[in-house]
């Protein structure tokens, strides 16, 4: 009797491209003209990347950014994902935080609705499961996630194995580019962080502090 050995599927490297949406209008119902320019320029930069999908959060500013980027990519599918949305991914306790900044950080988080804070951990876990780590198969995967400042900070923090509270204070530029490599058997590698080389100087801004 002849038996045939079965081979378990292999794992391959994932390249996760992360960007924060373009600059939004004051009421956040979509992108400002500057935000549309940022998104188009990011799309031009990514034309040569072997992207197979663009995922985006459900809010209008992320959806419009993803659409404008996708227009530059020649048919790459653009898909909405709730886990790529805008939420508080982790709320630290006072004991986790440095004493001299604990009041300021906790006060900042209290500005967000309790429901949003409560569900954030669940969505952050879903984002990690869906978008990070090596992938099944033999071919590398390159995907872009158009999201918001908090999730970019959370995933960068996780890649660096920093304390969970340290997602706070990582302020990502509108339409800046971050790339994390997840290779089998190796720790994540932060290949690029908050790069704005595709944007002219007036468009390089986080929206979270004074323009510099």
C-alpha atoms as a PDB file:
ATOM      1  CA  UNK A   1       0.000   0.000   0.000  1.00  0.00           C
ATOM      2  CA  UNK A   2       1.428   3.378  -1.000  1.00  0.00           C
ATOM      3  CA  UNK A   3       0.807   6.432   1.132  1.00  0.00           C
ATOM      4  CA  UNK A   4       1.200   9.972  -0.004  1.00  0.00           C
ATOM      5  CA  UNK A   5       2.638  12.476   2.437  1.00  0.00           C
ATOM      6  CA  UNK A   6       0.804  15.732   2.801  1.00  0.00           C
ATOM      7  CA  UNK A   7       2.657  18.968   3.173  1.00  0.00           C
ATOM      8  CA  UNK A   8       1.304  21.644   5.457  1.00  0.00           C
ATOM      9  CA  UNK A   9       0.789  24.976   3.773  1.00  0.00           C
ATOM     10  CA  UNK A  10       3.793  27.269   4.066  1.00  0.00           C
ATOM     11  CA  UNK A  11       3.890  30.764   5.433  1.00  0.00           C
ATOM     12  CA  UNK A  12       5.120  33.820   3.626  1.00  0.00           C
ATOM     13  CA  UNK A  13       6.043  37.374   4.456  1.00  0.00           C
ATOM     14  CA  UNK A  14       3.417  40.069   4.864  1.00  0.00           C
ATOM     15  CA  UNK A  15       4.211  43.685   4.033  1.00  0.00           C
ATOM     16  CA  UNK A  16       1.700  45.922   5.766  1.00  0.00           C
ATOM     17  CA  UNK A  17       1.492  49.461   4.390  1.00  0.00           C
ATOM     18  CA  UNK A  18      -0.215  51.873   6.762  1.00  0.00           C
ATOM     19  CA  UNK A  19      -1.377  55.404   6.159  1.00  0.00           C
ATOM     20  CA  UNK A  20      -3.494  57.917   7.967  1.00  0.00           C
ATOM     21  CA  UNK A  21      -6.290  59.483   5.915  1.00  0.00           C
ATOM     22  CA  UNK A  22      -5.694  62.816   4.201  1.00  0.00           C
ATOM     23  CA  UNK A  23      -6.491  66.071   5.944  1.00  0.00           C
ATOM     24  CA  UNK A  24     -10.218  66.266   6.646  1.00  0.00           C
ATOM     25  CA  UNK A  25     -12.680  69.129   6.429  1.00  0.00           C
ATOM     26  CA  UNK A  26     -13.423  70.868   9.758  1.00  0.00           C
ATOM     27  CA  UNK A  27     -16.635  68.846  10.164  1.00  0.00           C
ATOM     28  CA  UNK A  28     -14.828  65.622   9.149  1.00  0.00           C
ATOM     29  CA  UNK A  29     -17.447  64.736   6.536  1.00  0.00           C
ATOM     30  CA  UNK A  30     -14.747  64.166   3.930  1.00  0.00           C
ATOM     31  CA  UNK A  31     -11.391  65.426   2.767  1.00  0.00           C
ATOM     32  CA  UNK A  32     -10.317  69.015   2.422  1.00  0.00           C
ATOM     33  CA  UNK A  33      -8.701  70.016  -0.864  1.00  0.00           C
ATOM     34  CA  UNK A  34      -5.308  69.551   0.797  1.00  0.00           C
ATOM     35  CA  UNK A  35      -6.369  66.062   1.876  1.00  0.00           C
ATOM     36  CA  UNK A  36      -7.370  65.134  -1.662  1.00  0.00           C
ATOM     37  CA  UNK A  37      -3.952  66.277  -2.903  1.00  0.00           C
ATOM     38  CA  UNK A  38      -2.240  64.257  -0.187  1.00  0.00           C
ATOM     39  CA  UNK A  39      -4.180  61.122  -1.120  1.00  0.00           C
ATOM     40  CA  UNK A  40      -3.488  61.485  -4.836  1.00  0.00           C
ATOM     41  CA  UNK A  41       0.231  61.979  -4.207  1.00  0.00           C
ATOM     42  CA  UNK A  42       0.352  58.927  -1.965  1.00  0.00           C
ATOM     43  CA  UNK A  43      -1.344  56.918  -4.686  1.00  0.00           C
ATOM     44  CA  UNK A  44       1.251  58.068  -7.196  1.00  0.00           C
ATOM     45  CA  UNK A  45       4.020  56.979  -4.851  1.00  0.00           C
ATOM     46  CA  UNK A  46       2.494  53.515  -4.425  1.00  0.00           C
ATOM     47  CA  UNK A  47       1.994  52.824  -8.127  1.00  0.00           C
ATOM     48  CA  UNK A  48       5.119  50.676  -8.264  1.00  0.00           C
ATOM     49  CA  UNK A  49       4.325  48.689  -5.115  1.00  0.00           C
ATOM     50  CA  UNK A  50       2.904  45.156  -5.638  1.00  0.00           C
ATOM     51  CA  UNK A  51      -0.254  45.898  -3.654  1.00  0.00           C
ATOM     52  CA  UNK A  52      -3.093  43.398  -3.907  1.00  0.00           C
ATOM     53  CA  UNK A  53      -5.690  45.205  -1.763  1.00  0.00           C
ATOM     54  CA  UNK A  54      -6.492  48.520  -0.114  1.00  0.00           C
ATOM     55  CA  UNK A  55      -8.466  48.311   3.136  1.00  0.00           C
ATOM     56  CA  UNK A  56      -9.985  51.350   4.797  1.00  0.00           C
ATOM     57  CA  UNK A  57     -12.044  52.327   7.802  1.00  0.00           C
ATOM     58  CA  UNK A  58     -15.744  53.153   7.415  1.00  0.00           C
ATOM     59  CA  UNK A  59     -15.545  56.909   8.073  1.00  0.00           C
ATOM     60  CA  UNK A  60     -15.775  59.257   5.100  1.00  0.00           C
ATOM     61  CA  UNK A  61     -12.274  60.703   5.390  1.00  0.00           C
ATOM     62  CA  UNK A  62     -10.680  57.242   5.265  1.00  0.00           C
ATOM     63  CA  UNK A  63     -12.996  55.980   2.516  1.00  0.00           C
ATOM     64  CA  UNK A  64     -12.305  58.981   0.292  1.00  0.00           C
ATOM     65  CA  UNK A  65      -8.561  58.685   0.844  1.00  0.00           C
ATOM     66  CA  UNK A  66      -8.653  55.005  -0.097  1.00  0.00           C
ATOM     67  CA  UNK A  67     -10.684  55.737  -3.222  1.00  0.00           C
ATOM     68  CA  UNK A  68      -8.254  58.412  -4.397  1.00  0.00           C
ATOM     69  CA  UNK A  69      -5.250  56.202  -3.695  1.00  0.00           C
ATOM     70  CA  UNK A  70      -6.943  53.295  -5.458  1.00  0.00           C
ATOM     71  CA  UNK A  71      -7.531  55.375  -8.574  1.00  0.00           C
ATOM     72  CA  UNK A  72      -3.766  55.506  -9.004  1.00  0.00           C
ATOM     73  CA  UNK A  73      -3.246  51.758  -8.588  1.00  0.00           C
ATOM     74  CA  UNK A  74      -4.888  50.342 -11.688  1.00  0.00           C
ATOM     75  CA  UNK A  75      -7.631  48.061 -10.446  1.00  0.00           C
ATOM     76  CA  UNK A  76      -6.409  47.067  -6.983  1.00  0.00           C
ATOM     77  CA  UNK A  77      -9.578  46.259  -4.976  1.00  0.00           C
ATOM     78  CA  UNK A  78     -10.605  48.761  -2.297  1.00  0.00           C
ATOM     79  CA  UNK A  79     -12.472  47.274   0.670  1.00  0.00           C
ATOM     80  CA  UNK A  80     -14.015  48.673   3.830  1.00  0.00           C
ATOM     81  CA  UNK A  81     -13.044  47.113   7.175  1.00  0.00           C
ATOM     82  CA  UNK A  82     -14.530  48.152  10.518  1.00  0.00           C
ATOM     83  CA  UNK A  83     -11.306  47.134  12.263  1.00  0.00           C
ATOM     84  CA  UNK A  84      -9.489  49.848  10.296  1.00  0.00           C
ATOM     85  CA  UNK A  85     -11.719  52.518  11.825  1.00  0.00           C
ATOM     86  CA  UNK A  86     -11.187  55.300  14.344  1.00  0.00           C
ATOM     87  CA  UNK A  87     -11.260  54.089  17.950  1.00  0.00           C
ATOM     88  CA  UNK A  88      -9.228  53.963  21.165  1.00  0.00           C
ATOM     89  CA  UNK A  89      -7.310  50.668  20.842  1.00  0.00           C
ATOM     90  CA  UNK A  90      -6.252  50.408  24.466  1.00  0.00           C
ATOM     91  CA  UNK A  91      -7.022  52.373  27.601  1.00  0.00           C
ATOM     92  CA  UNK A  92      -4.237  52.160  30.170  1.00  0.00           C
ATOM     93  CA  UNK A  93      -4.657  52.253  33.910  1.00  0.00           C
ATOM     94  CA  UNK A  94      -3.040  55.043  35.893  1.00  0.00           C
ATOM     95  CA  UNK A  95      -0.503  52.570  37.272  1.00  0.00           C
ATOM     96  CA  UNK A  96       0.840  51.810  33.787  1.00  0.00           C
ATOM     97  CA  UNK A  97       1.624  55.420  32.966  1.00  0.00           C
ATOM     98  CA  UNK A  98       4.589  57.555  34.007  1.00  0.00           C
ATOM     99  CA  UNK A  99       3.414  59.551  37.018  1.00  0.00           C
ATOM    100  CA  UNK A 100       4.256  62.941  35.536  1.00  0.00           C
ATOM    101  CA  UNK A 101       2.038  62.460  32.461  1.00  0.00           C
ATOM    102  CA  UNK A 102      -0.713  60.183  33.802  1.00  0.00           C
ATOM    103  CA  UNK A 103      -3.245  62.957  34.437  1.00  0.00           C
ATOM    104  CA  UNK A 104      -2.783  64.472  30.977  1.00  0.00           C
ATOM    105  CA  UNK A 105      -3.058  61.136  29.170  1.00  0.00           C
ATOM    106  CA  UNK A 106      -6.086  59.911  31.090  1.00  0.00           C
ATOM    107  CA  UNK A 107      -7.758  63.285  30.655  1.00  0.00           C
ATOM    108  CA  UNK A 108      -7.186  63.064  26.908  1.00  0.00           C
ATOM    109  CA  UNK A 109      -8.818  59.632  26.727  1.00  0.00           C
ATOM    110  CA  UNK A 110     -11.837  60.766  28.714  1.00  0.00           C
ATOM    111  CA  UNK A 111     -12.742  63.047  25.800  1.00  0.00           C
ATOM    112  CA  UNK A 112     -13.838  59.987  23.839  1.00  0.00           C
ATOM    113  CA  UNK A 113     -17.243  58.318  24.360  1.00  0.00           C
ATOM    114  CA  UNK A 114     -17.249  55.435  26.829  1.00  0.00           C
ATOM    115  CA  UNK A 115     -18.756  53.084  24.231  1.00  0.00           C
ATOM    116  CA  UNK A 116     -15.948  53.857  21.788  1.00  0.00           C
ATOM    117  CA  UNK A 117     -13.342  53.208  24.453  1.00  0.00           C
ATOM    118  CA  UNK A 118     -15.032  49.994  25.562  1.00  0.00           C
ATOM    119  CA  UNK A 119     -15.177  48.459  22.078  1.00  0.00           C
ATOM    120  CA  UNK A 120     -11.749  49.653  21.004  1.00  0.00           C
ATOM    121  CA  UNK A 121      -9.854  46.687  22.434  1.00  0.00           C
ATOM    122  CA  UNK A 122     -12.060  44.259  20.502  1.00  0.00           C
ATOM    123  CA  UNK A 123     -11.536  46.110  17.228  1.00  0.00           C
ATOM    124  CA  UNK A 124      -7.789  46.420  17.848  1.00  0.00           C
ATOM    125  CA  UNK A 125      -7.553  42.652  18.348  1.00  0.00           C
ATOM    126  CA  UNK A 126      -9.492  42.131  15.112  1.00  0.00           C
ATOM    127  CA  UNK A 127      -7.145  44.492  13.265  1.00  0.00           C
ATOM    128  CA  UNK A 128      -4.092  42.635  14.568  1.00  0.00           C
ATOM    129  CA  UNK A 129      -5.555  39.274  13.534  1.00  0.00           C
ATOM    130  CA  UNK A 130      -6.559  40.514  10.091  1.00  0.00           C
ATOM    131  CA  UNK A 131      -3.659  42.728   9.084  1.00  0.00           C
ATOM    132  CA  UNK A 132      -0.507  41.592  10.920  1.00  0.00           C
ATOM    133  CA  UNK A 133       1.769  38.571  11.029  1.00  0.00           C
ATOM    134  CA  UNK A 134       2.995  36.236   8.276  1.00  0.00           C
ATOM    135  CA  UNK A 135       0.451  34.904   5.783  1.00  0.00           C
ATOM    136  CA  UNK A 136      -0.448  31.410   4.648  1.00  0.00           C
ATOM    137  CA  UNK A 137       0.994  30.407   1.297  1.00  0.00           C
ATOM    138  CA  UNK A 138       4.245  30.721  -0.578  1.00  0.00           C
ATOM    139  CA  UNK A 139       4.019  34.258  -1.959  1.00  0.00           C
ATOM    140  CA  UNK A 140       4.579  37.520  -0.069  1.00  0.00           C
ATOM    141  CA  UNK A 141       1.507  39.706   0.413  1.00  0.00           C
ATOM    142  CA  UNK A 142       1.492  43.509   0.148  1.00  0.00           C
ATOM    143  CA  UNK A 143      -1.624  45.323   1.428  1.00  0.00           C
ATOM    144  CA  UNK A 144      -2.420  48.922   2.315  1.00  0.00           C
ATOM    145  CA  UNK A 145      -4.597  49.925   5.265  1.00  0.00           C
ATOM    146  CA  UNK A 146      -5.988  53.466   5.186  1.00  0.00           C
ATOM    147  CA  UNK A 147      -6.872  54.219   8.769  1.00  0.00           C
ATOM    148  CA  UNK A 148      -6.547  56.774  11.565  1.00  0.00           C
ATOM    149  CA  UNK A 149      -3.800  57.990  13.851  1.00  0.00           C
ATOM    150  CA  UNK A 150      -4.628  55.754  16.801  1.00  0.00           C
ATOM    151  CA  UNK A 151      -4.534  52.439  14.928  1.00  0.00           C
ATOM    152  CA  UNK A 152      -1.263  53.299  13.192  1.00  0.00           C
ATOM    153  CA  UNK A 153       0.254  54.037  16.604  1.00  0.00           C
ATOM    154  CA  UNK A 154      -1.135  50.818  18.060  1.00  0.00           C
ATOM    155  CA  UNK A 155       0.248  48.585  15.299  1.00  0.00           C
ATOM    156  CA  UNK A 156       3.648  50.296  15.318  1.00  0.00           C
ATOM    157  CA  UNK A 157       3.784  49.912  19.104  1.00  0.00           C
ATOM    158  CA  UNK A 158       2.970  46.223  18.787  1.00  0.00           C
ATOM    159  CA  UNK A 159       5.622  45.693  16.108  1.00  0.00           C
ATOM    160  CA  UNK A 160       8.239  47.199  18.431  1.00  0.00           C
ATOM    161  CA  UNK A 161       6.936  45.254  21.455  1.00  0.00           C
ATOM    162  CA  UNK A 162       6.600  48.497  23.386  1.00  0.00           C
ATOM    163  CA  UNK A 163       4.332  48.848  26.460  1.00  0.00           C
ATOM    164  CA  UNK A 164       0.654  48.811  25.549  1.00  0.00           C
ATOM    165  CA  UNK A 165       0.076  52.426  26.586  1.00  0.00           C
ATOM    166  CA  UNK A 166       2.807  53.618  24.241  1.00  0.00           C
ATOM    167  CA  UNK A 167       0.495  53.882  21.237  1.00  0.00           C
ATOM    168  CA  UNK A 168      -0.232  57.312  22.685  1.00  0.00           C
ATOM    169  CA  UNK A 169       2.101  60.029  21.492  1.00  0.00           C
ATOM    170  CA  UNK A 170       2.799  58.457  18.104  1.00  0.00           C
ATOM    171  CA  UNK A 171       1.352  61.108  15.795  1.00  0.00           C
ATOM    172  CA  UNK A 172       1.164  60.092  12.161  1.00  0.00           C
ATOM    173  CA  UNK A 173       1.103  62.601   9.324  1.00  0.00           C
ATOM    174  CA  UNK A 174      -1.902  62.779   7.034  1.00  0.00           C
ATOM    175  CA  UNK A 175      -1.099  60.486   4.079  1.00  0.00           C
ATOM    176  CA  UNK A 176       2.309  59.623   5.532  1.00  0.00           C
ATOM    177  CA  UNK A 177       3.519  56.093   4.835  1.00  0.00           C
ATOM    178  CA  UNK A 178       4.533  53.387   7.304  1.00  0.00           C
ATOM    179  CA  UNK A 179       5.559  49.861   6.268  1.00  0.00           C
ATOM    180  CA  UNK A 180       5.924  46.882   8.614  1.00  0.00           C
ATOM    181  CA  UNK A 181       7.396  43.554   7.486  1.00  0.00           C
ATOM    182  CA  UNK A 182       6.189  40.334   9.131  1.00  0.00           C
ATOM    183  CA  UNK A 183       8.517  37.507   8.088  1.00  0.00           C
ATOM    184  CA  UNK A 184       8.059  33.911   9.300  1.00  0.00           C
ATOM    185  CA  UNK A 185      10.229  33.091  12.285  1.00  0.00           C
ATOM    186  CA  UNK A 186      11.398  36.670  12.810  1.00  0.00           C
ATOM    187  CA  UNK A 187      10.219  39.649  14.834  1.00  0.00           C
ATOM    188  CA  UNK A 188       8.354  42.357  12.913  1.00  0.00           C
ATOM    189  CA  UNK A 189      10.548  44.902  11.145  1.00  0.00           C
ATOM    190  CA  UNK A 190       9.593  48.562  10.889  1.00  0.00           C
ATOM    191  CA  UNK A 191      10.848  49.334   7.389  1.00  0.00           C
ATOM    192  CA  UNK A 192       9.421  52.825   7.078  1.00  0.00           C
ATOM    193  CA  UNK A 193       7.740  55.113   9.565  1.00  0.00           C
ATOM    194  CA  UNK A 194       5.637  58.199   8.887  1.00  0.00           C
ATOM    195  CA  UNK A 195       7.449  58.929   5.640  1.00  0.00           C
ATOM    196  CA  UNK A 196       6.179  62.004   3.790  1.00  0.00           C
ATOM    197  CA  UNK A 197       8.741  62.172   1.000  1.00  0.00           C
ATOM    198  CA  UNK A 198       5.941  62.108  -1.596  1.00  0.00           C
ATOM    199  CA  UNK A 199       4.368  65.272  -0.157  1.00  0.00           C
ATOM    200  CA  UNK A 200       5.531  68.874  -0.660  1.00  0.00           C
ATOM    201  CA  UNK A 201       6.466  70.657   2.562  1.00  0.00           C
ATOM    202  CA  UNK A 202       3.111  72.490   3.034  1.00  0.00           C
ATOM    203  CA  UNK A 203       1.264  69.149   3.062  1.00  0.00           C
ATOM    204  CA  UNK A 204       3.454  67.432   5.663  1.00  0.00           C
ATOM    205  CA  UNK A 205       1.344  67.803   8.774  1.00  0.00           C
ATOM    206  CA  UNK A 206      -0.080  65.584  11.480  1.00  0.00           C
ATOM    207  CA  UNK A 207      -3.103  67.759  12.143  1.00  0.00           C
ATOM    208  CA  UNK A 208      -2.396  67.200  15.835  1.00  0.00           C
ATOM    209  CA  UNK A 209       0.051  70.012  16.531  1.00  0.00           C
ATOM    210  CA  UNK A 210       1.199  73.336  15.138  1.00  0.00           C
ATOM    211  CA  UNK A 211       2.421  73.175  11.581  1.00  0.00           C
ATOM    212  CA  UNK A 212       6.210  73.130  11.347  1.00  0.00           C
END
